[in-house]
Structures are given as structure tokens and as C-alpha cells.
Amino acid sequence: MLALRLLFIISALVIVLSFGLYFFTRKQKFLRFAWQVVRFVVVLLLVFGVLYLLERYVLIAWRVLV
């Protein structure tokens, strides 16, 4: 959980800095980079969510059956 929190803090800082750089320079590459970071974080959240559900429901149900 500490790694997830650290990832969220670092990614939020990167996104805010990218938007800030975009507003100062008006270069599209900073918006694209921020969007890539957002997509990466969302995919990582989905992966961790699926792993959490797998651990929570499937593995516990498997332990009950065996």
C-alpha cells in the first residue's frame, strides 16, 4: 500500500508539473505526457483492483472449497 501511495503522489506531482509547463510554454508535448501518465495510472489502478478482487473473493472461496 505504501508503494501505491507513493505512486499516486509522484504521478500527481508529474501531472501538475506537466500542466504547469504547458501553460507556460504552450507546447503540446506536455499535455500528451500528462495524458500518458493519467492513462498509465488508470491502467495500474485497474490491475491492482483486479488483483485485490482476485485475492479477496476467488482465493478465499478456493480455500473454503479445498
N, C-alpha and C. Protein backbone atom coordinates (compact mmCIF):
# COMPACT_ATOMS: atom_id res chain seq x y z
N MET A 1 0.82 -1.19 0.00
CA MET A 1 0.00 0.00 0.00
C MET A 1 0.86 1.25 0.00
N LEU A 2 2.00 1.17 0.65
CA LEU A 2 2.90 2.32 0.66
C LEU A 2 3.38 2.64 -0.75
N ALA A 3 3.65 1.59 -1.53
CA ALA A 3 4.10 1.79 -2.90
C ALA A 3 3.00 2.46 -3.74
N LEU A 4 1.75 2.06 -3.53
CA LEU A 4 0.64 2.70 -4.26
C LEU A 4 0.50 4.16 -3.89
N ARG A 5 0.60 4.47 -2.63
CA ARG A 5 0.50 5.87 -2.20
C ARG A 5 1.63 6.71 -2.79
N LEU A 6 2.82 6.15 -2.76
CA LEU A 6 3.96 6.85 -3.33
C LEU A 6 3.78 7.06 -4.83
N LEU A 7 3.26 6.05 -5.51
CA LEU A 7 2.98 6.17 -6.95
C LEU A 7 1.97 7.28 -7.21
N PHE A 8 0.91 7.35 -6.41
CA PHE A 8 -0.10 8.38 -6.62
C PHE A 8 0.45 9.77 -6.36
N ILE A 9 1.26 9.91 -5.34
CA ILE A 9 1.82 11.23 -5.04
C ILE A 9 2.76 11.67 -6.15
N ILE A 10 3.63 10.78 -6.59
CA ILE A 10 4.57 11.13 -7.65
C ILE A 10 3.85 11.41 -8.95
N SER A 11 2.85 10.59 -9.29
CA SER A 11 2.12 10.82 -10.54
C SER A 11 1.30 12.11 -10.48
N ALA A 12 0.74 12.43 -9.33
CA ALA A 12 0.01 13.71 -9.22
C ALA A 12 0.95 14.88 -9.39
N LEU A 13 2.14 14.80 -8.81
CA LEU A 13 3.12 15.87 -8.99
C LEU A 13 3.54 15.99 -10.45
N VAL A 14 3.75 14.87 -11.11
CA VAL A 14 4.15 14.90 -12.52
C VAL A 14 3.05 15.51 -13.37
N ILE A 15 1.80 15.15 -13.11
CA ILE A 15 0.69 15.69 -13.89
C ILE A 15 0.55 17.19 -13.67
N VAL A 16 0.64 17.63 -12.42
CA VAL A 16 0.53 19.07 -12.13
C VAL A 16 1.68 19.84 -12.78
N LEU A 17 2.88 19.30 -12.68
CA LEU A 17 4.02 19.97 -13.31
C LEU A 17 3.90 20.00 -14.83
N SER A 18 3.39 18.94 -15.42
CA SER A 18 3.20 18.92 -16.88
C SER A 18 2.19 19.97 -17.31
N PHE A 19 1.07 20.07 -16.58
CA PHE A 19 0.09 21.10 -16.92
C PHE A 19 0.67 22.50 -16.71
N GLY A 20 1.45 22.66 -15.66
CA GLY A 20 2.09 23.95 -15.43
C GLY A 20 3.05 24.32 -16.55
N LEU A 21 3.85 23.36 -16.98
CA LEU A 21 4.76 23.62 -18.10
C LEU A 21 4.00 23.91 -19.38
N TYR A 22 2.87 23.24 -19.58
CA TYR A 22 2.06 23.52 -20.76
C TYR A 22 1.53 24.95 -20.73
N PHE A 23 1.06 25.40 -19.59
CA PHE A 23 0.52 26.74 -19.50
C PHE A 23 1.59 27.81 -19.71
N PHE A 24 2.83 27.49 -19.32
CA PHE A 24 3.90 28.47 -19.51
C PHE A 24 4.45 28.46 -20.93
N THR A 25 4.56 27.27 -21.54
CA THR A 25 5.22 27.17 -22.85
C THR A 25 4.24 26.98 -24.00
N ARG A 26 3.04 26.51 -23.73
CA ARG A 26 2.04 26.19 -24.76
C ARG A 26 2.51 25.13 -25.76
N LYS A 27 3.35 24.22 -25.29
CA LYS A 27 3.80 23.10 -26.12
C LYS A 27 2.92 21.90 -25.83
N GLN A 28 2.45 21.27 -26.90
CA GLN A 28 1.52 20.15 -26.77
C GLN A 28 2.16 18.91 -26.17
N LYS A 29 3.48 18.81 -26.21
CA LYS A 29 4.13 17.59 -25.71
C LYS A 29 3.90 17.41 -24.21
N PHE A 30 3.73 18.51 -23.48
CA PHE A 30 3.49 18.39 -22.05
C PHE A 30 2.07 17.87 -21.76
N LEU A 31 1.12 18.27 -22.59
CA LEU A 31 -0.24 17.73 -22.43
C LEU A 31 -0.28 16.25 -22.78
N ARG A 32 0.43 15.87 -23.83
CA ARG A 32 0.48 14.45 -24.21
C ARG A 32 1.13 13.62 -23.11
N PHE A 33 2.20 14.15 -22.52
CA PHE A 33 2.87 13.43 -21.45
C PHE A 33 1.96 13.28 -20.23
N ALA A 34 1.24 14.35 -19.87
CA ALA A 34 0.32 14.27 -18.73
C ALA A 34 -0.78 13.25 -19.02
N TRP A 35 -1.28 13.23 -20.24
CA TRP A 35 -2.32 12.27 -20.60
C TRP A 35 -1.77 10.84 -20.53
N GLN A 36 -0.54 10.62 -20.94
CA GLN A 36 0.07 9.29 -20.86
C GLN A 36 0.22 8.85 -19.40
N VAL A 37 0.59 9.77 -18.55
CA VAL A 37 0.72 9.44 -17.13
C VAL A 37 -0.64 9.08 -16.54
N VAL A 38 -1.67 9.84 -16.91
CA VAL A 38 -3.02 9.56 -16.41
C VAL A 38 -3.47 8.17 -16.88
N ARG A 39 -3.24 7.86 -18.14
CA ARG A 39 -3.63 6.54 -18.64
C ARG A 39 -2.87 5.43 -17.94
N PHE A 40 -1.58 5.63 -17.71
CA PHE A 40 -0.78 4.62 -17.03
C PHE A 40 -1.28 4.39 -15.61
N VAL A 41 -1.61 5.46 -14.91
CA VAL A 41 -2.09 5.32 -13.53
C VAL A 41 -3.45 4.62 -13.51
N VAL A 42 -4.31 4.94 -14.46
CA VAL A 42 -5.63 4.29 -14.51
C VAL A 42 -5.48 2.79 -14.79
N VAL A 43 -4.61 2.44 -15.72
CA VAL A 43 -4.38 1.02 -16.02
C VAL A 43 -3.80 0.31 -14.80
N LEU A 44 -2.86 0.96 -14.12
CA LEU A 44 -2.29 0.36 -12.92
C LEU A 44 -3.33 0.20 -11.82
N LEU A 45 -4.22 1.17 -11.69
CA LEU A 45 -5.31 1.05 -10.72
C LEU A 45 -6.22 -0.12 -11.05
N LEU A 46 -6.53 -0.29 -12.33
CA LEU A 46 -7.38 -1.42 -12.73
C LEU A 46 -6.69 -2.76 -12.45
N VAL A 47 -5.41 -2.84 -12.71
CA VAL A 47 -4.68 -4.08 -12.45
C VAL A 47 -4.67 -4.39 -10.96
N PHE A 48 -4.37 -3.39 -10.13
CA PHE A 48 -4.37 -3.62 -8.69
C PHE A 48 -5.77 -3.94 -8.18
N GLY A 49 -6.79 -3.31 -8.76
CA GLY A 49 -8.16 -3.61 -8.37
C GLY A 49 -8.54 -5.05 -8.68
N VAL A 50 -8.17 -5.51 -9.86
CA VAL A 50 -8.47 -6.90 -10.24
C VAL A 50 -7.71 -7.87 -9.35
N LEU A 51 -6.45 -7.56 -9.07
CA LEU A 51 -5.69 -8.44 -8.17
C LEU A 51 -6.28 -8.45 -6.77
N TYR A 52 -6.76 -7.31 -6.30
CA TYR A 52 -7.39 -7.25 -4.99
C TYR A 52 -8.67 -8.09 -4.97
N LEU A 53 -9.50 -7.94 -6.00
CA LEU A 53 -10.72 -8.74 -6.06
C LEU A 53 -10.41 -10.23 -6.18
N LEU A 54 -9.39 -10.54 -6.94
CA LEU A 54 -8.99 -11.95 -7.07
C LEU A 54 -8.57 -12.50 -5.72
N GLU A 55 -7.77 -11.75 -5.00
CA GLU A 55 -7.33 -12.22 -3.70
C GLU A 55 -8.50 -12.30 -2.72
N ARG A 56 -9.34 -11.30 -2.77
CA ARG A 56 -10.41 -11.18 -1.79
C ARG A 56 -11.48 -12.25 -1.95
N TYR A 57 -11.90 -12.49 -3.18
CA TYR A 57 -13.05 -13.37 -3.39
C TYR A 57 -12.68 -14.74 -3.96
N VAL A 58 -11.84 -14.78 -4.94
CA VAL A 58 -11.56 -16.06 -5.60
C VAL A 58 -10.68 -16.93 -4.72
N LEU A 59 -9.61 -16.38 -4.18
CA LEU A 59 -8.70 -17.22 -3.40
C LEU A 59 -9.31 -17.63 -2.07
N ILE A 60 -10.11 -16.77 -1.47
CA ILE A 60 -10.78 -17.14 -0.23
C ILE A 60 -11.83 -18.22 -0.50
N ALA A 61 -12.56 -18.09 -1.60
CA ALA A 61 -13.54 -19.12 -1.96
C ALA A 61 -12.83 -20.43 -2.29
N TRP A 62 -11.68 -20.35 -2.90
CA TRP A 62 -10.92 -21.56 -3.20
C TRP A 62 -10.47 -22.24 -1.91
N ARG A 63 -10.08 -21.45 -0.93
CA ARG A 63 -9.65 -22.01 0.36
C ARG A 63 -10.80 -22.68 1.07
N VAL A 64 -12.01 -22.17 0.91
CA VAL A 64 -13.18 -22.76 1.55
C VAL A 64 -13.53 -24.10 0.88
N LEU A 65 -13.38 -24.15 -0.44
CA LEU A 65 -13.72 -25.36 -1.16
C LEU A 65 -12.72 -26.48 -0.94
N VAL A 66 -11.47 -26.15 -0.73
CA VAL A 66 -10.44 -27.18 -0.61
C VAL A 66 -10.29 -27.65 0.77
